[in-house]
Amino acid sequence: MSEIYVARTNQKLGFVRLHLDALVRAQDSTAWNKHGIIESYNESVLFHLKGAVHAFIREIGERYRLDVSAIDGVADLQAQFESTGQESPELNEMEQLAASPGSWLARLERAYLACWSASAERSKPADARQSLSEIHIVQVNPDHAEDGVLLTEFQQWYSELNALIDRQRSAMLEW
């Protein structure tokens, strides 16, 4: 077995760690573009956390010899297990986390999706004389009140994901 997703999961976790360190430095910065840098790292941390979750879900599929190309999330992993008649304690835990709105995984998924949610109303020009090609800056966190809170939450999600991966990898090796 190639275990390409083990390497991919580890790579994404490494990227999260690097970007969390950079986010800490950005928050201590006095640069004129400090808040833009912070928002950039916030989104990159979310992107790499989501990538690590995605890679780990495929890692589980790879371990059980499922068709990983058809797995993009927990529901796809579940469908693959059902189609092969297999069961997985790893899947059960992932399903519980995904289904619980207060879990770190569900909060991570909502935060990641929020990066991509742009209303159609925002993209339309407010005035007919305004061009669609003009770039309009919309700050996600305009008062920057959430900067420190997000860092703490990202660090918690990273820690929870690391613990989950370590625990589930150990259990998969026992089989």
Protein backbone atom coordinates (compact mmCIF):
# COMPACT_ATOMS: atom_id res chain seq x y z
CA MET A 1 0.00 0.00 0.00
CA SER A 2 1.41 3.38 -0.97
CA GLU A 3 0.10 5.34 2.02
CA ILE A 4 0.12 8.55 0.02
CA TYR A 5 -2.56 10.03 2.29
CA VAL A 6 -0.51 9.41 5.44
CA ALA A 7 2.16 11.66 3.94
CA ARG A 8 -0.44 14.18 2.75
CA THR A 9 -2.08 14.34 6.19
CA ASN A 10 1.31 14.88 7.84
CA GLN A 11 2.22 17.54 5.28
CA LYS A 12 -1.02 19.46 5.88
CA LEU A 13 -0.54 19.25 9.67
CA GLY A 14 2.97 20.64 9.21
CA PHE A 15 1.59 23.52 7.14
CA VAL A 16 -0.99 24.26 9.86
CA ARG A 17 1.77 24.44 12.46
CA LEU A 18 3.85 26.78 10.27
CA HIS A 19 0.92 29.08 9.61
CA LEU A 20 -0.12 29.13 13.26
CA ASP A 21 3.40 30.24 14.16
CA ALA A 22 3.24 32.93 11.48
CA LEU A 23 -0.19 34.01 12.76
CA VAL A 24 1.23 34.49 16.25
CA ARG A 25 4.02 36.64 14.82
CA ALA A 26 1.53 38.63 12.73
CA GLN A 27 -0.54 39.43 15.80
CA ASP A 28 2.54 40.84 17.49
CA SER A 29 3.38 42.90 14.42
CA THR A 30 3.11 46.68 14.20
CA ALA A 31 3.09 46.74 10.40
CA TRP A 32 0.59 48.93 8.59
CA ASN A 33 -0.95 45.84 6.96
CA LYS A 34 -1.11 43.78 10.17
CA HIS A 35 -4.84 43.04 9.95
CA GLY A 36 -4.66 41.96 6.31
CA ILE A 37 -1.82 39.61 7.18
CA ILE A 38 -3.79 38.22 10.11
CA GLU A 39 -6.86 37.61 7.95
CA SER A 40 -4.68 35.95 5.32
CA TYR A 41 -3.17 33.57 7.88
CA ASN A 42 -6.60 32.91 9.41
CA GLU A 43 -7.83 31.67 6.05
CA SER A 44 -4.66 29.72 5.31
CA VAL A 45 -4.86 27.94 8.68
CA LEU A 46 -8.47 27.00 7.94
CA PHE A 47 -7.52 25.81 4.45
CA HIS A 48 -4.74 23.57 5.76
CA LEU A 49 -6.85 22.25 8.66
CA LYS A 50 -9.59 21.34 6.20
CA GLY A 51 -6.96 19.78 3.92
CA ALA A 52 -5.62 17.70 6.81
CA VAL A 53 -9.12 16.47 7.66
CA HIS A 54 -9.76 15.63 4.00
CA ALA A 55 -6.45 13.80 3.66
CA PHE A 56 -7.05 11.89 6.89
CA ILE A 57 -10.51 10.78 5.75
CA ARG A 58 -8.90 9.46 2.58
CA GLU A 59 -6.14 7.90 4.70
CA ILE A 60 -8.81 5.90 6.54
CA GLY A 61 -10.25 4.84 3.19
CA GLU A 62 -6.80 3.89 1.94
CA ARG A 63 -6.16 1.80 5.05
CA TYR A 64 -9.39 -0.15 4.46
CA ARG A 65 -8.66 -0.45 0.70
CA LEU A 66 -11.63 1.66 -0.39
CA ASP A 67 -11.91 3.75 -3.56
CA VAL A 68 -10.34 6.94 -2.17
CA SER A 69 -10.97 8.86 -5.38
CA ALA A 70 -14.68 8.78 -4.48
CA ILE A 71 -14.13 10.09 -0.93
CA ASP A 72 -14.40 13.83 -0.28
CA GLY A 73 -15.95 13.82 3.18
CA VAL A 74 -17.32 11.75 6.03
CA ALA A 75 -20.54 10.94 4.13
CA ASP A 76 -18.54 9.61 1.17
CA LEU A 77 -16.41 7.50 3.50
CA GLN A 78 -19.58 6.11 5.06
CA ALA A 79 -21.00 5.27 1.63
CA GLN A 80 -17.79 3.44 0.72
CA PHE A 81 -17.90 1.40 3.93
CA GLU A 82 -21.56 0.55 3.35
CA SER A 83 -20.90 -0.54 -0.24
CA THR A 84 -18.14 -2.91 0.88
CA GLY A 85 -19.94 -4.17 3.99
CA GLN A 86 -17.10 -3.09 6.26
CA GLU A 87 -17.30 -1.29 9.58
CA SER A 88 -14.86 1.17 11.09
CA PRO A 89 -14.51 2.65 14.56
CA GLU A 90 -12.62 5.53 12.92
CA LEU A 91 -15.64 6.32 10.76
CA ASN A 92 -17.96 6.13 13.77
CA GLU A 93 -15.93 8.76 15.63
CA MET A 94 -15.69 11.01 12.57
CA GLU A 95 -19.47 10.75 12.05
CA GLN A 96 -20.15 11.68 15.67
CA LEU A 97 -17.86 14.70 15.44
CA ALA A 98 -19.36 15.83 12.14
CA ALA A 99 -22.93 15.44 13.43
CA SER A 100 -22.37 17.30 16.70
CA PRO A 101 -22.79 21.06 16.03
CA GLY A 102 -20.60 22.01 18.99
CA SER A 103 -17.69 19.72 18.12
CA TRP A 104 -14.38 21.12 16.95
CA LEU A 105 -14.83 19.40 13.58
CA ALA A 106 -18.28 20.88 12.96
CA ARG A 107 -17.04 24.35 13.97
CA LEU A 108 -14.02 23.98 11.68
CA GLU A 109 -16.27 22.97 8.76
CA ARG A 110 -18.56 25.98 9.35
CA ALA A 111 -15.61 28.37 9.55
CA TYR A 112 -14.11 26.93 6.38
CA LEU A 113 -17.41 27.23 4.51
CA ALA A 114 -17.76 30.82 5.71
CA CYS A 115 -14.59 31.68 3.80
CA TRP A 116 -16.38 30.72 0.60
CA SER A 117 -19.79 32.18 1.29
CA ALA A 118 -20.23 35.40 -0.59
CA SER A 119 -23.69 36.70 -1.15
CA ALA A 120 -24.75 37.45 -4.69
CA GLU A 121 -25.98 40.81 -3.44
CA ARG A 122 -22.45 41.86 -2.48
CA SER A 123 -21.09 41.06 -5.90
CA LYS A 124 -23.66 43.17 -7.75
CA PRO A 125 -22.90 46.83 -8.18
CA ALA A 126 -24.96 49.01 -5.85
CA ASP A 127 -25.17 51.65 -8.52
CA ALA A 128 -25.79 51.07 -12.22
CA ARG A 129 -22.85 53.38 -12.99
CA GLN A 130 -20.53 51.15 -10.97
CA SER A 131 -18.57 48.54 -12.90
CA LEU A 132 -18.57 44.84 -12.08
CA SER A 133 -14.85 44.81 -12.78
CA GLU A 134 -14.07 47.17 -9.92
CA ILE A 135 -12.47 45.53 -6.93
CA HIS A 136 -14.31 46.16 -3.69
CA ILE A 137 -12.71 45.19 -0.42
CA VAL A 138 -15.01 43.54 2.07
CA GLN A 139 -13.38 42.80 5.40
CA VAL A 140 -14.52 39.62 7.06
CA ASN A 141 -13.52 40.83 10.53
CA PRO A 142 -13.74 44.65 10.21
CA ASP A 143 -13.12 45.55 13.86
CA HIS A 144 -10.49 42.80 14.35
CA ALA A 145 -12.05 41.89 17.68
CA GLU A 146 -11.88 38.17 16.89
CA ASP A 147 -8.17 38.01 16.05
CA GLY A 148 -6.97 36.51 19.36
CA VAL A 149 -10.06 34.35 19.78
CA LEU A 150 -9.58 32.80 16.35
CA LEU A 151 -5.94 31.99 17.07
CA THR A 152 -6.89 30.19 20.28
CA GLU A 153 -9.66 28.31 18.50
CA PHE A 154 -7.37 27.33 15.60
CA GLN A 155 -4.76 26.07 18.06
CA GLN A 156 -7.44 24.00 19.80
CA TRP A 157 -8.69 22.53 16.51
CA TYR A 158 -5.13 21.69 15.51
CA SER A 159 -4.53 19.99 18.85
CA GLU A 160 -7.83 18.07 18.66
CA LEU A 161 -7.12 16.95 15.09
CA ASN A 162 -3.60 15.82 16.00
CA ALA A 163 -4.92 13.83 18.96
CA LEU A 164 -7.65 12.25 16.82
CA ILE A 165 -5.17 11.26 14.12
CA ASP A 166 -2.67 9.82 16.59
CA ARG A 167 -5.37 7.85 18.39
CA GLN A 168 -7.00 6.53 15.22
CA ARG A 169 -3.70 5.66 13.55
CA SER A 170 -2.72 3.62 16.62
CA ALA A 171 -6.05 1.78 16.49
CA MET A 172 -5.72 1.10 12.74
CA LEU A 173 -2.20 -0.32 13.25
CA GLU A 174 -3.52 -2.79 15.82
CA TRP A 175 -5.72 -4.35 13.16
